[in-house]
Amino acid sequence: MAETIGSEYFDRLAKTVVDCDKNECIRLINEGLAKGMDPLEAIEKGLGKGIIKVGDDFGEGSCFLPELIGAADVMKEGVAILDEKIRAEGKTRRSLGKVVIGTVKGDIHDIGKSVVAAVLQANGYDVVDLGIDVEADRFVKAVTEHNADCVGMSSLLTLAIQQMGTVIEHLRQAKLRDKVKVMVGGAPVTQEFADEIGADAFGYDAADAVRKMETLLGDR
């Protein structure tokens, strides 16, 4: 018989994300699952709550990039365990839309993209992370394979951001551009550049990316 899992447990789970404590996160998840915890609740009330707080704190300047990176890593590890349990139970996690995300070809920076992916996931989006140095054709293939609603592209290199326009052109050639939204972001990216290449939105940071995603996919 499943034991009752209360708000105190979920608060502790959220705190492991804020504290970047991966070992404690895994221990608490396994403890909760052994007691019959709903893995969906663990994501929404625990891990998600934690990563949203970290994102808010980062935006306010009360936490810094290392903490943001660590929190995203803990979130990713915890969600992987819980998603496996969700699939084993034949359930599906609520999704506000499917997002294919990656760092464009010519750029191997992973941090910003991974943080955005974690925060989007915490806010109810199904995220397919393609990693770094992603060629245009891989974005196009992933959109088709996963029936994506949005493509998210990131880059920290000024030269590499030109690849974002290439991806959009490949989406057009594949007759997918009208079926998928495109969001771009990264230090050298601006709203003017996003407009120039025909992107639908520019995400300044992870919190802004969530707000923009709500606007892009909210009327689906």
N, C-alpha and C. Protein backbone atom coordinates (compact mmCIF):
# COMPACT_ATOMS: atom_id res chain seq x y z
N MET A 1 0.84 -1.20 0.00
CA MET A 1 0.00 0.00 0.00
C MET A 1 0.88 1.26 0.00
N ALA A 2 0.56 2.20 -0.89
CA ALA A 2 1.37 3.40 -1.02
C ALA A 2 1.22 4.29 0.20
N GLU A 3 2.33 4.86 0.64
CA GLU A 3 2.30 5.80 1.74
C GLU A 3 1.98 7.20 1.20
N THR A 4 1.44 8.02 2.06
CA THR A 4 1.11 9.38 1.65
C THR A 4 2.38 10.21 1.53
N ILE A 5 2.52 10.88 0.38
CA ILE A 5 3.66 11.76 0.14
C ILE A 5 3.15 13.20 0.25
N GLY A 6 3.65 13.92 1.25
CA GLY A 6 3.13 15.26 1.50
C GLY A 6 3.97 16.37 0.89
N SER A 7 3.53 17.60 1.10
CA SER A 7 4.20 18.76 0.54
C SER A 7 5.62 18.92 1.08
N GLU A 8 5.85 18.45 2.32
CA GLU A 8 7.19 18.55 2.89
C GLU A 8 8.20 17.78 2.06
N TYR A 9 7.78 16.60 1.60
CA TYR A 9 8.67 15.80 0.76
C TYR A 9 9.01 16.54 -0.53
N PHE A 10 8.01 17.09 -1.20
CA PHE A 10 8.23 17.78 -2.47
C PHE A 10 9.09 19.03 -2.27
N ASP A 11 8.93 19.70 -1.13
CA ASP A 11 9.77 20.85 -0.82
C ASP A 11 11.23 20.43 -0.67
N ARG A 12 11.44 19.29 -0.02
CA ARG A 12 12.80 18.78 0.14
C ARG A 12 13.40 18.41 -1.21
N LEU A 13 12.57 17.84 -2.08
CA LEU A 13 13.04 17.46 -3.42
C LEU A 13 13.39 18.71 -4.22
N ALA A 14 12.55 19.73 -4.11
CA ALA A 14 12.84 21.00 -4.80
C ALA A 14 14.15 21.60 -4.29
N LYS A 15 14.40 21.48 -2.99
CA LYS A 15 15.60 22.06 -2.39
C LYS A 15 16.86 21.38 -2.93
N THR A 16 16.78 20.10 -3.28
CA THR A 16 17.98 19.44 -3.83
C THR A 16 18.39 20.07 -5.16
N VAL A 17 17.41 20.58 -5.92
CA VAL A 17 17.73 21.27 -7.17
C VAL A 17 18.36 22.61 -6.87
N VAL A 18 17.76 23.35 -5.94
CA VAL A 18 18.29 24.67 -5.56
C VAL A 18 19.70 24.52 -5.00
N ASP A 19 19.95 23.45 -4.22
CA ASP A 19 21.26 23.23 -3.60
C ASP A 19 22.24 22.51 -4.52
N CYS A 20 21.79 22.13 -5.73
CA CYS A 20 22.64 21.40 -6.69
C CYS A 20 23.16 20.10 -6.08
N ASP A 21 22.30 19.42 -5.31
CA ASP A 21 22.69 18.20 -4.60
C ASP A 21 22.12 16.97 -5.32
N LYS A 22 22.88 16.48 -6.30
CA LYS A 22 22.41 15.38 -7.13
C LYS A 22 22.22 14.10 -6.33
N ASN A 23 23.15 13.79 -5.45
CA ASN A 23 23.04 12.55 -4.68
C ASN A 23 21.79 12.53 -3.81
N GLU A 24 21.51 13.65 -3.15
CA GLU A 24 20.32 13.71 -2.30
C GLU A 24 19.05 13.67 -3.15
N CYS A 25 19.10 14.27 -4.31
CA CYS A 25 17.96 14.23 -5.21
C CYS A 25 17.62 12.80 -5.59
N ILE A 26 18.63 12.05 -6.00
CA ILE A 26 18.41 10.66 -6.41
C ILE A 26 17.92 9.83 -5.23
N ARG A 27 18.52 10.07 -4.04
CA ARG A 27 18.10 9.32 -2.86
C ARG A 27 16.63 9.59 -2.54
N LEU A 28 16.23 10.85 -2.58
CA LEU A 28 14.85 11.20 -2.27
C LEU A 28 13.88 10.63 -3.31
N ILE A 29 14.27 10.67 -4.57
CA ILE A 29 13.40 10.12 -5.62
C ILE A 29 13.20 8.62 -5.40
N ASN A 30 14.28 7.92 -5.16
CA ASN A 30 14.16 6.47 -4.93
C ASN A 30 13.34 6.17 -3.68
N GLU A 31 13.52 6.99 -2.65
CA GLU A 31 12.74 6.82 -1.42
C GLU A 31 11.25 7.04 -1.71
N GLY A 32 10.96 8.09 -2.45
CA GLY A 32 9.58 8.39 -2.78
C GLY A 32 8.93 7.31 -3.64
N LEU A 33 9.66 6.85 -4.64
CA LEU A 33 9.12 5.79 -5.52
C LEU A 33 8.85 4.52 -4.75
N ALA A 34 9.71 4.22 -3.78
CA ALA A 34 9.52 3.02 -2.96
C ALA A 34 8.25 3.13 -2.12
N LYS A 35 7.84 4.36 -1.84
CA LYS A 35 6.63 4.58 -1.04
C LYS A 35 5.39 4.77 -1.90
N GLY A 36 5.56 4.60 -3.21
CA GLY A 36 4.42 4.72 -4.11
C GLY A 36 4.14 6.12 -4.61
N MET A 37 5.14 6.98 -4.55
CA MET A 37 4.98 8.35 -5.03
C MET A 37 4.63 8.39 -6.51
N ASP A 38 3.77 9.33 -6.89
CA ASP A 38 3.43 9.55 -8.29
C ASP A 38 4.60 10.31 -8.94
N PRO A 39 5.29 9.70 -9.91
CA PRO A 39 6.44 10.38 -10.52
C PRO A 39 6.07 11.68 -11.23
N LEU A 40 4.85 11.77 -11.71
CA LEU A 40 4.40 13.01 -12.34
C LEU A 40 4.37 14.15 -11.32
N GLU A 41 3.89 13.86 -10.13
CA GLU A 41 3.85 14.87 -9.07
C GLU A 41 5.26 15.27 -8.66
N ALA A 42 6.17 14.31 -8.65
CA ALA A 42 7.55 14.61 -8.25
C ALA A 42 8.18 15.63 -9.19
N ILE A 43 7.85 15.54 -10.47
CA ILE A 43 8.38 16.49 -11.44
C ILE A 43 7.72 17.85 -11.28
N GLU A 44 6.40 17.85 -11.21
CA GLU A 44 5.67 19.11 -11.19
C GLU A 44 5.77 19.85 -9.85
N LYS A 45 5.68 19.10 -8.74
CA LYS A 45 5.67 19.74 -7.42
C LYS A 45 7.05 19.81 -6.77
N GLY A 46 7.98 18.99 -7.26
CA GLY A 46 9.31 18.94 -6.66
C GLY A 46 10.38 19.54 -7.54
N LEU A 47 10.85 18.78 -8.51
CA LEU A 47 11.95 19.23 -9.36
C LEU A 47 11.60 20.51 -10.11
N GLY A 48 10.39 20.56 -10.66
CA GLY A 48 9.98 21.74 -11.41
C GLY A 48 9.96 22.99 -10.56
N LYS A 49 9.45 22.85 -9.36
CA LYS A 49 9.40 23.98 -8.42
C LYS A 49 10.81 24.48 -8.12
N GLY A 50 11.74 23.54 -7.98
CA GLY A 50 13.13 23.90 -7.66
C GLY A 50 13.81 24.66 -8.80
N ILE A 51 13.68 24.15 -10.03
CA ILE A 51 14.38 24.78 -11.16
C ILE A 51 13.77 26.13 -11.48
N ILE A 52 12.46 26.29 -11.27
CA ILE A 52 11.83 27.59 -11.50
C ILE A 52 12.36 28.63 -10.50
N LYS A 53 12.53 28.21 -9.25
CA LYS A 53 13.08 29.12 -8.24
C LYS A 53 14.50 29.55 -8.62
N VAL A 54 15.30 28.59 -9.07
CA VAL A 54 16.68 28.91 -9.45
C VAL A 54 16.68 29.88 -10.62
N GLY A 55 15.80 29.64 -11.59
CA GLY A 55 15.71 30.54 -12.74
C GLY A 55 15.32 31.94 -12.32
N ASP A 56 14.36 32.03 -11.40
CA ASP A 56 13.93 33.34 -10.89
C ASP A 56 15.06 34.04 -10.14
N ASP A 57 15.77 33.27 -9.30
CA ASP A 57 16.88 33.83 -8.53
C ASP A 57 17.99 34.33 -9.45
N PHE A 58 18.25 33.58 -10.51
CA PHE A 58 19.28 33.98 -11.47
C PHE A 58 18.88 35.29 -12.15
N GLY A 59 17.61 35.39 -12.52
CA GLY A 59 17.12 36.61 -13.16
C GLY A 59 17.22 37.81 -12.25
N GLU A 60 17.07 37.59 -10.93
CA GLU A 60 17.13 38.68 -9.96
C GLU A 60 18.57 38.97 -9.50
N GLY A 61 19.51 38.11 -9.93
CA GLY A 61 20.90 38.32 -9.56
C GLY A 61 21.29 37.77 -8.21
N SER A 62 20.42 36.93 -7.61
CA SER A 62 20.74 36.37 -6.30
C SER A 62 21.38 34.99 -6.38
N CYS A 63 21.50 34.43 -7.58
CA CYS A 63 22.33 33.25 -7.78
C CYS A 63 23.06 33.42 -9.11
N PHE A 64 24.10 32.62 -9.31
CA PHE A 64 24.99 32.87 -10.44
C PHE A 64 25.09 31.64 -11.35
N LEU A 65 25.82 31.80 -12.45
CA LEU A 65 25.85 30.78 -13.49
C LEU A 65 26.24 29.39 -12.99
N PRO A 66 27.25 29.24 -12.13
CA PRO A 66 27.58 27.88 -11.65
C PRO A 66 26.40 27.18 -10.97
N GLU A 67 25.64 27.96 -10.16
CA GLU A 67 24.47 27.38 -9.50
C GLU A 67 23.39 27.01 -10.52
N LEU A 68 23.23 27.85 -11.53
CA LEU A 68 22.25 27.58 -12.58
C LEU A 68 22.61 26.31 -13.33
N ILE A 69 23.88 26.14 -13.65
CA ILE A 69 24.34 24.94 -14.35
C ILE A 69 24.14 23.70 -13.49
N GLY A 70 24.52 23.81 -12.21
CA GLY A 70 24.37 22.67 -11.30
C GLY A 70 22.93 22.27 -11.11
N ALA A 71 22.05 23.26 -10.97
CA ALA A 71 20.63 22.97 -10.79
C ALA A 71 20.05 22.29 -12.02
N ALA A 72 20.43 22.75 -13.20
CA ALA A 72 19.94 22.14 -14.44
C ALA A 72 20.40 20.69 -14.55
N ASP A 73 21.62 20.42 -14.09
CA ASP A 73 22.16 19.06 -14.14
C ASP A 73 21.39 18.14 -13.20
N VAL A 74 21.08 18.63 -12.00
CA VAL A 74 20.30 17.84 -11.04
C VAL A 74 18.90 17.58 -11.59
N MET A 75 18.28 18.62 -12.14
CA MET A 75 16.95 18.50 -12.73
C MET A 75 16.94 17.43 -13.82
N LYS A 76 17.93 17.47 -14.70
CA LYS A 76 18.01 16.53 -15.81
C LYS A 76 18.13 15.09 -15.30
N GLU A 77 18.98 14.89 -14.30
CA GLU A 77 19.19 13.55 -13.74
C GLU A 77 17.92 13.03 -13.09
N GLY A 78 17.27 13.88 -12.31
CA GLY A 78 16.05 13.46 -11.62
C GLY A 78 14.92 13.15 -12.58
N VAL A 79 14.73 14.00 -13.59
CA VAL A 79 13.66 13.78 -14.56
C VAL A 79 13.88 12.49 -15.33
N ALA A 80 15.13 12.17 -15.64
CA ALA A 80 15.42 10.94 -16.38
C ALA A 80 14.94 9.71 -15.60
N ILE A 81 15.17 9.70 -14.29
CA ILE A 81 14.73 8.57 -13.45
C ILE A 81 13.21 8.51 -13.41
N LEU A 82 12.59 9.66 -13.23
CA LEU A 82 11.13 9.70 -13.10
C LEU A 82 10.44 9.41 -14.43
N ASP A 83 11.00 9.88 -15.54
CA ASP A 83 10.41 9.59 -16.85
C ASP A 83 10.43 8.10 -17.14
N GLU A 84 11.50 7.43 -16.72
CA GLU A 84 11.58 5.97 -16.92
C GLU A 84 10.45 5.28 -16.15
N LYS A 85 10.18 5.74 -14.94
CA LYS A 85 9.10 5.18 -14.13
C LYS A 85 7.74 5.48 -14.75
N ILE A 86 7.59 6.69 -15.27
CA ILE A 86 6.32 7.08 -15.91
C ILE A 86 6.03 6.17 -17.10
N ARG A 87 7.05 5.94 -17.93
CA ARG A 87 6.87 5.06 -19.09
C ARG A 87 6.55 3.64 -18.68
N ALA A 88 7.23 3.17 -17.62
CA ALA A 88 7.00 1.80 -17.14
C ALA A 88 5.57 1.62 -16.65
N GLU A 89 4.96 2.69 -16.16
CA GLU A 89 3.58 2.62 -15.68
C GLU A 89 2.57 2.90 -16.79
N GLY A 90 3.07 3.13 -18.00
CA GLY A 90 2.17 3.38 -19.12
C GLY A 90 1.51 4.73 -19.09
N LYS A 91 2.09 5.66 -18.35
CA LYS A 91 1.54 7.01 -18.24
C LYS A 91 2.27 7.95 -19.20
N THR A 92 1.77 9.14 -19.34
CA THR A 92 2.43 10.18 -20.10
C THR A 92 2.44 11.46 -19.27
N ARG A 93 3.52 12.19 -19.37
CA ARG A 93 3.64 13.45 -18.63
C ARG A 93 2.96 14.56 -19.42
N ARG A 94 2.25 15.42 -18.71
CA ARG A 94 1.54 16.50 -19.39
C ARG A 94 2.51 17.32 -20.22
N SER A 95 2.09 17.73 -21.38
CA SER A 95 2.97 18.49 -22.25
C SER A 95 2.23 19.67 -22.85
N LEU A 96 2.85 20.83 -22.78
CA LEU A 96 2.30 22.02 -23.40
C LEU A 96 2.79 22.17 -24.83
N GLY A 97 3.63 21.23 -25.25
CA GLY A 97 4.17 21.27 -26.60
C GLY A 97 5.51 20.57 -26.65
N LYS A 98 5.94 20.17 -27.83
CA LYS A 98 7.22 19.48 -27.99
C LYS A 98 8.21 20.43 -28.62
N VAL A 99 9.37 20.55 -27.98
CA VAL A 99 10.41 21.48 -28.42
C VAL A 99 11.68 20.71 -28.75
N VAL A 100 12.19 20.90 -29.96
CA VAL A 100 13.50 20.38 -30.35
C VAL A 100 14.51 21.50 -30.15
N ILE A 101 15.56 21.24 -29.37
CA ILE A 101 16.50 22.31 -29.03
C ILE A 101 17.93 21.83 -29.25
N GLY A 102 18.81 22.76 -29.63
CA GLY A 102 20.20 22.40 -29.83
C GLY A 102 21.07 23.63 -30.05
N THR A 103 22.38 23.45 -29.86
CA THR A 103 23.37 24.47 -30.20
C THR A 103 23.77 24.26 -31.65
N VAL A 104 23.74 25.33 -32.44
CA VAL A 104 23.90 25.19 -33.88
C VAL A 104 25.31 24.75 -34.29
N LYS A 105 25.42 24.29 -35.52
CA LYS A 105 26.69 23.83 -36.09
C LYS A 105 27.76 24.90 -35.97
N GLY A 106 28.95 24.46 -35.55
CA GLY A 106 30.07 25.37 -35.39
C GLY A 106 30.24 25.90 -33.99
N ASP A 107 29.36 25.48 -33.08
CA ASP A 107 29.42 25.96 -31.69
C ASP A 107 29.25 24.77 -30.75
N ILE A 108 30.16 24.64 -29.79
CA ILE A 108 30.10 23.50 -28.86
C ILE A 108 29.70 23.94 -27.45
N HIS A 109 29.19 25.16 -27.30
CA HIS A 109 28.75 25.62 -25.98
C HIS A 109 27.44 24.93 -25.61
N ASP A 110 27.39 24.42 -24.39
CA ASP A 110 26.27 23.57 -23.98
C ASP A 110 25.46 24.13 -22.82
N ILE A 111 26.07 25.02 -22.04
CA ILE A 111 25.48 25.42 -20.76
C ILE A 111 24.14 26.13 -20.93
N GLY A 112 24.13 27.22 -21.68
CA GLY A 112 22.90 28.00 -21.82
C GLY A 112 21.76 27.19 -22.38
N LYS A 113 22.06 26.42 -23.41
CA LYS A 113 21.05 25.57 -24.05
C LYS A 113 20.49 24.56 -23.07
N SER A 114 21.36 23.95 -22.27
CA SER A 114 20.92 22.93 -21.31
C SER A 114 20.05 23.53 -20.22
N VAL A 115 20.37 24.74 -19.77
CA VAL A 115 19.57 25.40 -18.75
C VAL A 115 18.18 25.71 -19.30
N VAL A 116 18.12 26.25 -20.52
CA VAL A 116 16.83 26.55 -21.14
C VAL A 116 16.01 25.27 -21.29
N ALA A 117 16.66 24.19 -21.72
CA ALA A 117 15.96 22.91 -21.88
C ALA A 117 15.38 22.44 -20.56
N ALA A 118 16.15 22.55 -19.48
CA ALA A 118 15.69 22.10 -18.16
C ALA A 118 14.51 22.93 -17.67
N VAL A 119 14.59 24.25 -17.87
CA VAL A 119 13.53 25.13 -17.39
C VAL A 119 12.25 24.92 -18.21
N LEU A 120 12.38 24.75 -19.52
CA LEU A 120 11.21 24.45 -20.35
C LEU A 120 10.57 23.15 -19.91
N GLN A 121 11.40 22.15 -19.65
CA GLN A 121 10.89 20.85 -19.21
C GLN A 121 10.15 20.98 -17.89
N ALA A 122 10.71 21.77 -16.99
CA ALA A 122 10.07 21.97 -15.68
C ALA A 122 8.73 22.67 -15.81
N ASN A 123 8.58 23.47 -16.87
CA ASN A 123 7.34 24.21 -17.06
C ASN A 123 6.33 23.48 -17.94
N GLY A 124 6.57 22.18 -18.18
CA GLY A 124 5.56 21.37 -18.85
C GLY A 124 5.75 21.11 -20.32
N TYR A 125 6.93 21.46 -20.86
CA TYR A 125 7.19 21.19 -22.27
C TYR A 125 7.98 19.90 -22.43
N ASP A 126 7.71 19.18 -23.49
CA ASP A 126 8.44 17.96 -23.82
C ASP A 126 9.63 18.38 -24.67
N VAL A 127 10.85 18.20 -24.14
CA VAL A 127 12.04 18.74 -24.78
C VAL A 127 12.91 17.62 -25.34
N VAL A 128 13.29 17.76 -26.60
CA VAL A 128 14.24 16.85 -27.26
C VAL A 128 15.54 17.64 -27.44
N ASP A 129 16.56 17.29 -26.67
CA ASP A 129 17.83 18.01 -26.70
C ASP A 129 18.78 17.33 -27.68
N LEU A 130 19.11 18.02 -28.76
CA LEU A 130 19.99 17.45 -29.79
C LEU A 130 21.46 17.64 -29.48
N GLY A 131 21.76 18.40 -28.43
CA GLY A 131 23.16 18.59 -28.04
C GLY A 131 23.80 19.79 -28.70
N ILE A 132 25.10 19.65 -29.03
CA ILE A 132 25.88 20.76 -29.56
C ILE A 132 26.31 20.48 -31.00
N ASP A 133 26.76 21.54 -31.68
CA ASP A 133 27.29 21.42 -33.05
C ASP A 133 26.29 20.69 -33.96
N VAL A 134 25.04 21.13 -33.90
CA VAL A 134 23.95 20.44 -34.59
C VAL A 134 23.78 21.01 -36.01
N GLU A 135 23.88 20.16 -37.00
CA GLU A 135 23.71 20.58 -38.38
C GLU A 135 22.24 20.85 -38.70
N ALA A 136 22.03 21.67 -39.71
CA ALA A 136 20.67 22.06 -40.09
C ALA A 136 19.78 20.85 -40.38
N ASP A 137 20.31 19.88 -41.07
CA ASP A 137 19.51 18.71 -41.45
C ASP A 137 19.07 17.90 -40.24
N ARG A 138 19.88 17.95 -39.15
CA ARG A 138 19.49 17.23 -37.94
C ARG A 138 18.30 17.88 -37.28
N PHE A 139 18.26 19.21 -37.30
CA PHE A 139 17.09 19.91 -36.77
C PHE A 139 15.84 19.52 -37.57
N VAL A 140 15.97 19.54 -38.89
CA VAL A 140 14.84 19.22 -39.75
C VAL A 140 14.37 17.79 -39.52
N LYS A 141 15.31 16.87 -39.44
CA LYS A 141 14.97 15.46 -39.21
C LYS A 141 14.26 15.28 -37.88
N ALA A 142 14.75 15.98 -36.83
CA ALA A 142 14.16 15.85 -35.50
C ALA A 142 12.74 16.41 -35.46
N VAL A 143 12.49 17.49 -36.19
CA VAL A 143 11.15 18.06 -36.25
C VAL A 143 10.17 17.05 -36.81
N THR A 144 10.60 16.35 -37.86
CA THR A 144 9.74 15.33 -38.48
C THR A 144 9.56 14.13 -37.58
N GLU A 145 10.66 13.62 -37.01
CA GLU A 145 10.61 12.41 -36.20
C GLU A 145 9.78 12.59 -34.94
N HIS A 146 9.87 13.77 -34.33
CA HIS A 146 9.22 14.00 -33.04
C HIS A 146 7.94 14.84 -33.16
N ASN A 147 7.58 15.19 -34.38
CA ASN A 147 6.39 16.01 -34.60
C ASN A 147 6.45 17.25 -33.72
N ALA A 148 7.56 17.96 -33.79
CA ALA A 148 7.83 19.08 -32.90
C ALA A 148 6.94 20.28 -33.19
N ASP A 149 6.68 21.04 -32.15
CA ASP A 149 5.91 22.28 -32.26
C ASP A 149 6.82 23.49 -32.39
N CYS A 150 8.05 23.35 -31.90
CA CYS A 150 8.98 24.48 -31.91
C CYS A 150 10.42 24.00 -32.02
N VAL A 151 11.24 24.78 -32.70
CA VAL A 151 12.69 24.55 -32.76
C VAL A 151 13.37 25.65 -31.97
N GLY A 152 14.22 25.26 -31.02
CA GLY A 152 14.99 26.23 -30.25
C GLY A 152 16.46 26.12 -30.62
N MET A 153 17.08 27.24 -30.99
CA MET A 153 18.49 27.23 -31.38
C MET A 153 19.29 28.20 -30.53
N SER A 154 20.49 27.76 -30.15
CA SER A 154 21.35 28.57 -29.29
C SER A 154 22.75 28.65 -29.88
N SER A 155 23.45 29.77 -29.59
CA SER A 155 24.85 29.90 -29.96
C SER A 155 25.47 31.03 -29.16
N LEU A 156 26.75 30.86 -28.78
CA LEU A 156 27.50 31.92 -28.11
C LEU A 156 28.54 32.54 -29.04
N LEU A 157 28.64 32.03 -30.26
CA LEU A 157 29.64 32.52 -31.21
C LEU A 157 28.98 33.34 -32.31
N THR A 158 29.52 34.51 -32.55
CA THR A 158 28.94 35.42 -33.54
C THR A 158 28.88 34.80 -34.92
N LEU A 159 29.93 34.11 -35.32
CA LEU A 159 29.95 33.48 -36.65
C LEU A 159 28.93 32.36 -36.75
N ALA A 160 28.78 31.61 -35.68
CA ALA A 160 27.89 30.44 -35.73
C ALA A 160 26.42 30.81 -35.80
N ILE A 161 26.05 31.99 -35.33
CA ILE A 161 24.62 32.32 -35.32
C ILE A 161 24.04 32.41 -36.73
N GLN A 162 24.91 32.56 -37.73
CA GLN A 162 24.41 32.57 -39.11
C GLN A 162 23.77 31.23 -39.47
N GLN A 163 24.18 30.18 -38.76
CA GLN A 163 23.60 28.85 -39.00
C GLN A 163 22.11 28.82 -38.67
N MET A 164 21.67 29.72 -37.79
CA MET A 164 20.25 29.76 -37.43
C MET A 164 19.40 30.07 -38.65
N GLY A 165 19.87 31.00 -39.46
CA GLY A 165 19.16 31.31 -40.69
C GLY A 165 19.17 30.14 -41.65
N THR A 166 20.27 29.40 -41.66
CA THR A 166 20.38 28.21 -42.52
C THR A 166 19.35 27.16 -42.12
N VAL A 167 19.19 26.97 -40.82
CA VAL A 167 18.21 25.99 -40.33
C VAL A 167 16.80 26.39 -40.77
N ILE A 168 16.48 27.67 -40.63
CA ILE A 168 15.15 28.14 -41.03
C ILE A 168 14.93 27.93 -42.52
N GLU A 169 15.96 28.17 -43.31
CA GLU A 169 15.84 27.95 -44.76
C GLU A 169 15.63 26.47 -45.07
N HIS A 170 16.33 25.59 -44.36
CA HIS A 170 16.15 24.15 -44.56
C HIS A 170 14.73 23.72 -44.16
N LEU A 171 14.19 24.33 -43.12
CA LEU A 171 12.81 24.04 -42.73
C LEU A 171 11.84 24.45 -43.84
N ARG A 172 12.13 25.59 -44.47
CA ARG A 172 11.29 26.04 -45.58
C ARG A 172 11.36 25.05 -46.74
N GLN A 173 12.59 24.63 -47.07
CA GLN A 173 12.78 23.72 -48.19
C GLN A 173 12.07 22.38 -47.94
N ALA A 174 12.01 21.98 -46.66
CA ALA A 174 11.34 20.73 -46.30
C ALA A 174 9.84 20.92 -46.11
N LYS A 175 9.35 22.15 -46.39
CA LYS A 175 7.93 22.48 -46.25
C LYS A 175 7.43 22.28 -44.81
N LEU A 176 8.32 22.61 -43.86
CA LEU A 176 7.98 22.47 -42.44
C LEU A 176 7.88 23.81 -41.72
N ARG A 177 8.35 24.87 -42.38
CA ARG A 177 8.42 26.15 -41.69
C ARG A 177 7.08 26.64 -41.18
N ASP A 178 6.03 26.41 -41.94
CA ASP A 178 4.71 26.87 -41.52
C ASP A 178 4.10 26.00 -40.43
N LYS A 179 4.73 24.86 -40.16
CA LYS A 179 4.19 23.93 -39.18
C LYS A 179 4.90 24.00 -37.83
N VAL A 180 5.98 24.75 -37.76
CA VAL A 180 6.78 24.77 -36.53
C VAL A 180 7.23 26.19 -36.23
N LYS A 181 7.22 26.55 -34.94
CA LYS A 181 7.72 27.84 -34.50
C LYS A 181 9.24 27.75 -34.30
N VAL A 182 9.91 28.91 -34.38
CA VAL A 182 11.37 28.94 -34.21
C VAL A 182 11.73 30.02 -33.18
N MET A 183 12.49 29.60 -32.15
CA MET A 183 13.00 30.54 -31.16
C MET A 183 14.52 30.47 -31.16
N VAL A 184 15.17 31.62 -31.09
CA VAL A 184 16.63 31.67 -31.07
C VAL A 184 17.11 32.41 -29.83
N GLY A 185 18.35 32.12 -29.41
CA GLY A 185 18.90 32.77 -28.24
C GLY A 185 20.40 32.56 -28.16
N GLY A 186 21.02 33.28 -27.22
CA GLY A 186 22.47 33.22 -27.05
C GLY A 186 23.02 34.63 -26.94
N ALA A 187 24.21 34.75 -26.36
CA ALA A 187 24.79 36.07 -26.08
C ALA A 187 24.85 37.01 -27.28
N PRO A 188 25.26 36.57 -28.48
CA PRO A 188 25.34 37.51 -29.59
C PRO A 188 24.03 37.73 -30.34
N VAL A 189 22.98 37.00 -29.95
CA VAL A 189 21.70 37.08 -30.66
C VAL A 189 20.88 38.24 -30.13
N THR A 190 20.23 38.96 -31.02
CA THR A 190 19.38 40.08 -30.66
C THR A 190 18.01 39.91 -31.30
N GLN A 191 17.06 40.72 -30.87
CA GLN A 191 15.75 40.70 -31.48
C GLN A 191 15.84 41.10 -32.95
N GLU A 192 16.72 42.05 -33.25
CA GLU A 192 16.89 42.48 -34.63
C GLU A 192 17.38 41.34 -35.51
N PHE A 193 18.33 40.56 -34.98
CA PHE A 193 18.85 39.43 -35.75
C PHE A 193 17.76 38.38 -35.94
N ALA A 194 16.99 38.12 -34.88
CA ALA A 194 15.90 37.14 -34.97
C ALA A 194 14.91 37.55 -36.06
N ASP A 195 14.59 38.85 -36.10
CA ASP A 195 13.67 39.35 -37.12
C ASP A 195 14.28 39.20 -38.52
N GLU A 196 15.56 39.46 -38.61
CA GLU A 196 16.26 39.41 -39.91
C GLU A 196 16.22 38.02 -40.52
N ILE A 197 16.40 36.98 -39.70
CA ILE A 197 16.44 35.63 -40.25
C ILE A 197 15.06 34.97 -40.30
N GLY A 198 14.05 35.66 -39.78
CA GLY A 198 12.70 35.13 -39.85
C GLY A 198 12.31 34.21 -38.72
N ALA A 199 12.98 34.34 -37.56
CA ALA A 199 12.59 33.55 -36.38
C ALA A 199 11.30 34.12 -35.80
N ASP A 200 10.58 33.29 -35.06
CA ASP A 200 9.33 33.73 -34.45
C ASP A 200 9.54 34.43 -33.12
N ALA A 201 10.66 34.14 -32.44
CA ALA A 201 10.89 34.74 -31.13
C ALA A 201 12.37 34.71 -30.78
N PHE A 202 12.76 35.62 -29.90
CA PHE A 202 14.10 35.68 -29.34
C PHE A 202 13.99 35.53 -27.83
N GLY A 203 14.69 34.54 -27.27
CA GLY A 203 14.68 34.32 -25.83
C GLY A 203 15.94 34.90 -25.20
N TYR A 204 15.76 35.91 -24.37
CA TYR A 204 16.91 36.56 -23.74
C TYR A 204 17.62 35.64 -22.75
N ASP A 205 16.83 34.92 -21.94
CA ASP A 205 17.37 33.95 -20.98
C ASP A 205 16.32 32.86 -20.79
N ALA A 206 16.56 31.95 -19.85
CA ALA A 206 15.66 30.81 -19.67
C ALA A 206 14.25 31.25 -19.29
N ALA A 207 14.15 32.21 -18.37
CA ALA A 207 12.83 32.67 -17.94
C ALA A 207 12.09 33.34 -19.10
N ASP A 208 12.81 34.13 -19.87
CA ASP A 208 12.21 34.79 -21.03
C ASP A 208 11.79 33.76 -22.07
N ALA A 209 12.59 32.70 -22.23
CA ALA A 209 12.26 31.65 -23.19
C ALA A 209 10.93 30.99 -22.84
N VAL A 210 10.68 30.77 -21.56
CA VAL A 210 9.41 30.19 -21.12
C VAL A 210 8.25 31.12 -21.45
N ARG A 211 8.43 32.40 -21.16
CA ARG A 211 7.37 33.37 -21.46
C ARG A 211 7.08 33.43 -22.97
N LYS A 212 8.12 33.44 -23.77
CA LYS A 212 7.95 33.50 -25.22
C LYS A 212 7.30 32.21 -25.73
N MET A 213 7.70 31.07 -25.15
CA MET A 213 7.13 29.79 -25.58
C MET A 213 5.64 29.74 -25.29
N GLU A 214 5.25 30.29 -24.16
CA GLU A 214 3.81 30.35 -23.83
C GLU A 214 3.05 31.13 -24.89
N THR A 215 3.66 32.20 -25.35
CA THR A 215 3.02 33.03 -26.39
C THR A 215 2.97 32.27 -27.72
N LEU A 216 4.08 31.62 -28.07
CA LEU A 216 4.15 30.92 -29.36
C LEU A 216 3.21 29.73 -29.44
N LEU A 217 3.13 28.95 -28.34
CA LEU A 217 2.39 27.69 -28.39
C LEU A 217 1.09 27.73 -27.60
N GLY A 218 0.80 28.83 -26.97
CA GLY A 218 -0.37 28.91 -26.12
C GLY A 218 -1.69 28.77 -26.84
N ASP A 219 -1.70 29.08 -28.14
CA ASP A 219 -2.95 29.01 -28.89
C ASP A 219 -3.08 27.74 -29.71
N ARG A 220 -2.24 26.74 -29.37
CA ARG A 220 -2.28 25.48 -30.12
C ARG A 220 -3.61 24.78 -29.90
